[in-house]
Amino acid sequence: MEDETTIIAKTIYIQLGGTGFSRMIGMLTPLLVSEDSDKAEVTATFRWRARSKGGVNLMAVTLVQALDTYRVQFGRIHGDQV
């Protein structure tokens, strides 16, 4: 049985488009999940090959459970960092 954090992260992934989303961005890593239980936040992170002008290759979507809102951040990482 999956824990609530994993279920939330998978739901974020499905809301973005699931496997179609993965193919569209050329996702390199599987869905990465992190939780900050003090702030009641769950983050799903997606990484792909940088092909954009600015080299953006990372997106993190955080569900802020207390506010029932999402925070989306884009960034750039080098090598195997995540």
N, C-alpha and C. Protein backbone atom coordinates (compact mmCIF):
# COMPACT_ATOMS: atom_id res chain seq x y z
N MET A 1 0.84 -1.19 0.00
CA MET A 1 0.00 0.00 0.00
C MET A 1 0.89 1.25 0.00
N GLU A 2 0.53 2.22 -0.81
CA GLU A 2 1.31 3.44 -0.92
C GLU A 2 0.95 4.42 0.19
N ASP A 3 1.96 5.19 0.61
CA ASP A 3 1.68 6.19 1.63
C ASP A 3 1.06 7.43 0.98
N GLU A 4 0.53 8.32 1.80
CA GLU A 4 -0.18 9.49 1.31
C GLU A 4 0.72 10.40 0.47
N THR A 5 1.99 10.53 0.85
CA THR A 5 2.93 11.37 0.12
C THR A 5 3.09 10.89 -1.32
N THR A 6 3.27 9.60 -1.52
CA THR A 6 3.42 9.03 -2.85
C THR A 6 2.14 9.21 -3.67
N ILE A 7 1.01 9.03 -3.06
CA ILE A 7 -0.27 9.20 -3.75
C ILE A 7 -0.42 10.65 -4.22
N ILE A 8 -0.07 11.61 -3.37
CA ILE A 8 -0.16 13.03 -3.75
C ILE A 8 0.76 13.33 -4.92
N ALA A 9 2.00 12.84 -4.86
CA ALA A 9 2.96 13.08 -5.94
C ALA A 9 2.49 12.47 -7.25
N LYS A 10 1.96 11.26 -7.21
CA LYS A 10 1.44 10.62 -8.42
C LYS A 10 0.24 11.38 -8.97
N THR A 11 -0.58 11.94 -8.09
CA THR A 11 -1.73 12.73 -8.52
C THR A 11 -1.26 13.99 -9.24
N ILE A 12 -0.23 14.65 -8.73
CA ILE A 12 0.34 15.83 -9.39
C ILE A 12 0.81 15.44 -10.79
N TYR A 13 1.51 14.32 -10.89
CA TYR A 13 2.02 13.83 -12.17
C TYR A 13 0.87 13.58 -13.16
N ILE A 14 -0.18 12.94 -12.69
CA ILE A 14 -1.34 12.65 -13.55
C ILE A 14 -2.03 13.96 -13.97
N GLN A 15 -2.14 14.91 -13.06
CA GLN A 15 -2.76 16.19 -13.40
C GLN A 15 -1.97 16.95 -14.46
N LEU A 16 -0.66 16.74 -14.50
CA LEU A 16 0.18 17.38 -15.52
C LEU A 16 0.08 16.67 -16.87
N GLY A 17 -0.43 15.45 -16.88
CA GLY A 17 -0.60 14.72 -18.14
C GLY A 17 -0.03 13.32 -18.13
N GLY A 18 0.54 12.89 -17.03
CA GLY A 18 1.03 11.51 -16.90
C GLY A 18 2.11 11.17 -17.91
N THR A 19 1.96 10.03 -18.58
CA THR A 19 2.99 9.57 -19.52
C THR A 19 3.12 10.51 -20.72
N GLY A 20 2.03 11.15 -21.12
CA GLY A 20 2.12 12.13 -22.20
C GLY A 20 3.03 13.29 -21.81
N PHE A 21 2.92 13.73 -20.57
CA PHE A 21 3.78 14.78 -20.03
C PHE A 21 5.24 14.32 -20.04
N SER A 22 5.47 13.09 -19.59
CA SER A 22 6.83 12.53 -19.56
C SER A 22 7.47 12.53 -20.93
N ARG A 23 6.71 12.09 -21.92
CA ARG A 23 7.23 12.05 -23.29
C ARG A 23 7.45 13.44 -23.85
N MET A 24 6.53 14.35 -23.56
CA MET A 24 6.62 15.70 -24.10
C MET A 24 7.89 16.41 -23.62
N ILE A 25 8.22 16.27 -22.34
CA ILE A 25 9.41 16.96 -21.82
C ILE A 25 10.67 16.11 -21.92
N GLY A 26 10.54 14.83 -22.28
CA GLY A 26 11.70 13.95 -22.34
C GLY A 26 12.27 13.69 -20.96
N MET A 27 11.41 13.35 -20.03
CA MET A 27 11.79 13.20 -18.63
C MET A 27 12.91 12.18 -18.46
N LEU A 28 13.96 12.57 -17.72
CA LEU A 28 15.11 11.71 -17.50
C LEU A 28 14.97 10.85 -16.25
N THR A 29 14.48 11.44 -15.19
CA THR A 29 14.41 10.72 -13.92
C THR A 29 12.97 10.36 -13.62
N PRO A 30 12.79 9.29 -12.88
CA PRO A 30 11.43 9.00 -12.44
C PRO A 30 10.97 10.10 -11.48
N LEU A 31 9.73 10.08 -11.18
CA LEU A 31 9.15 11.05 -10.26
C LEU A 31 9.87 11.00 -8.93
N LEU A 32 10.39 12.15 -8.49
CA LEU A 32 11.05 12.23 -7.20
C LEU A 32 10.12 12.92 -6.23
N VAL A 33 10.02 12.39 -5.03
CA VAL A 33 9.06 12.89 -4.04
C VAL A 33 9.79 13.29 -2.78
N SER A 34 9.41 14.43 -2.22
CA SER A 34 9.94 14.83 -0.92
C SER A 34 8.79 15.40 -0.10
N GLU A 35 8.96 15.36 1.21
CA GLU A 35 7.90 15.82 2.10
C GLU A 35 8.50 16.67 3.20
N ASP A 36 7.85 17.76 3.51
CA ASP A 36 8.20 18.59 4.66
C ASP A 36 7.01 18.53 5.60
N SER A 37 7.06 17.61 6.54
CA SER A 37 5.90 17.39 7.40
C SER A 37 5.64 18.57 8.33
N ASP A 38 6.67 19.36 8.66
CA ASP A 38 6.46 20.54 9.51
C ASP A 38 5.58 21.58 8.81
N LYS A 39 5.75 21.72 7.49
CA LYS A 39 4.98 22.70 6.73
C LYS A 39 3.81 22.08 6.00
N ALA A 40 3.61 20.78 6.13
CA ALA A 40 2.54 20.05 5.43
C ALA A 40 2.63 20.28 3.93
N GLU A 41 3.82 20.02 3.37
CA GLU A 41 4.06 20.20 1.94
C GLU A 41 4.60 18.92 1.33
N VAL A 42 4.15 18.63 0.12
CA VAL A 42 4.65 17.49 -0.66
C VAL A 42 5.13 18.03 -1.99
N THR A 43 6.35 17.66 -2.39
CA THR A 43 6.93 18.15 -3.64
C THR A 43 7.19 17.00 -4.59
N ALA A 44 6.75 17.17 -5.84
CA ALA A 44 7.05 16.24 -6.92
C ALA A 44 8.02 16.96 -7.86
N THR A 45 9.17 16.33 -8.14
CA THR A 45 10.21 16.94 -8.95
C THR A 45 10.38 16.18 -10.25
N PHE A 46 10.53 16.92 -11.35
CA PHE A 46 10.68 16.34 -12.68
C PHE A 46 11.94 16.93 -13.32
N ARG A 47 12.73 16.08 -13.99
CA ARG A 47 13.96 16.53 -14.62
C ARG A 47 14.01 16.05 -16.07
N TRP A 48 14.54 16.90 -16.96
CA TRP A 48 14.65 16.56 -18.38
C TRP A 48 15.93 17.15 -18.93
N ARG A 49 16.27 16.81 -20.18
CA ARG A 49 17.44 17.38 -20.85
C ARG A 49 17.18 18.84 -21.16
N ALA A 50 18.15 19.68 -20.86
CA ALA A 50 17.99 21.12 -21.11
C ALA A 50 18.10 21.41 -22.60
N ARG A 51 17.02 21.87 -23.18
CA ARG A 51 17.01 22.25 -24.59
C ARG A 51 16.54 23.68 -24.77
N SER A 52 16.13 24.29 -23.69
CA SER A 52 15.62 25.66 -23.79
C SER A 52 16.77 26.66 -23.76
N LYS A 53 16.48 27.86 -24.14
CA LYS A 53 17.49 28.92 -24.22
C LYS A 53 18.19 29.13 -22.88
N GLY A 54 17.45 29.12 -21.81
CA GLY A 54 18.03 29.35 -20.50
C GLY A 54 18.58 28.11 -19.83
N GLY A 55 18.43 26.96 -20.46
CA GLY A 55 18.95 25.71 -19.90
C GLY A 55 18.12 25.14 -18.76
N VAL A 56 16.86 25.55 -18.66
CA VAL A 56 15.99 25.03 -17.61
C VAL A 56 15.79 23.53 -17.83
N ASN A 57 15.98 22.75 -16.78
CA ASN A 57 15.82 21.30 -16.90
C ASN A 57 15.20 20.66 -15.65
N LEU A 58 14.55 21.47 -14.84
CA LEU A 58 13.97 20.95 -13.60
C LEU A 58 12.70 21.71 -13.26
N MET A 59 11.69 20.97 -12.84
CA MET A 59 10.46 21.58 -12.37
C MET A 59 10.07 20.88 -11.07
N ALA A 60 9.75 21.69 -10.07
CA ALA A 60 9.27 21.16 -8.80
C ALA A 60 7.88 21.72 -8.54
N VAL A 61 6.93 20.83 -8.30
CA VAL A 61 5.56 21.23 -8.00
C VAL A 61 5.29 20.83 -6.55
N THR A 62 4.97 21.82 -5.73
CA THR A 62 4.74 21.59 -4.31
C THR A 62 3.28 21.84 -3.97
N LEU A 63 2.67 20.86 -3.33
CA LEU A 63 1.32 21.03 -2.80
C LEU A 63 1.44 21.55 -1.38
N VAL A 64 0.94 22.75 -1.14
CA VAL A 64 0.90 23.33 0.20
C VAL A 64 -0.47 22.96 0.76
N GLN A 65 -0.48 21.91 1.56
CA GLN A 65 -1.75 21.33 1.99
C GLN A 65 -2.58 22.29 2.84
N ALA A 66 -1.95 23.09 3.67
CA ALA A 66 -2.71 23.99 4.55
C ALA A 66 -3.50 25.02 3.75
N LEU A 67 -2.96 25.44 2.60
CA LEU A 67 -3.63 26.44 1.76
C LEU A 67 -4.34 25.82 0.58
N ASP A 68 -4.14 24.53 0.35
CA ASP A 68 -4.69 23.82 -0.80
C ASP A 68 -4.32 24.53 -2.11
N THR A 69 -3.03 24.86 -2.21
CA THR A 69 -2.51 25.52 -3.41
C THR A 69 -1.22 24.82 -3.85
N TYR A 70 -0.83 25.10 -5.09
CA TYR A 70 0.41 24.56 -5.64
C TYR A 70 1.42 25.69 -5.81
N ARG A 71 2.68 25.37 -5.59
CA ARG A 71 3.78 26.27 -5.87
C ARG A 71 4.64 25.58 -6.93
N VAL A 72 4.89 26.25 -8.04
CA VAL A 72 5.67 25.65 -9.13
C VAL A 72 6.96 26.44 -9.28
N GLN A 73 8.08 25.70 -9.31
CA GLN A 73 9.39 26.33 -9.47
C GLN A 73 10.13 25.64 -10.61
N PHE A 74 10.83 26.44 -11.40
CA PHE A 74 11.67 25.92 -12.47
C PHE A 74 13.11 26.26 -12.15
N GLY A 75 14.02 25.40 -12.59
CA GLY A 75 15.42 25.66 -12.33
C GLY A 75 16.33 24.89 -13.28
N ARG A 76 17.59 25.01 -12.98
CA ARG A 76 18.61 24.36 -13.79
C ARG A 76 19.59 23.68 -12.85
N ILE A 77 19.85 22.42 -13.09
CA ILE A 77 20.85 21.71 -12.32
C ILE A 77 21.85 21.08 -13.28
N HIS A 78 23.03 20.84 -12.79
CA HIS A 78 24.10 20.28 -13.60
C HIS A 78 24.42 18.86 -13.13
N GLY A 79 24.76 17.99 -14.04
CA GLY A 79 25.18 16.64 -13.69
C GLY A 79 24.06 15.81 -13.10
N ASP A 80 24.40 15.02 -12.09
CA ASP A 80 23.44 14.10 -11.49
C ASP A 80 22.83 14.63 -10.20
N GLN A 81 22.89 15.92 -9.97
CA GLN A 81 22.31 16.50 -8.77
C GLN A 81 20.80 16.45 -8.85
N VAL A 82 20.17 16.26 -7.73
CA VAL A 82 18.72 16.41 -7.61
C VAL A 82 18.41 16.54 -6.15
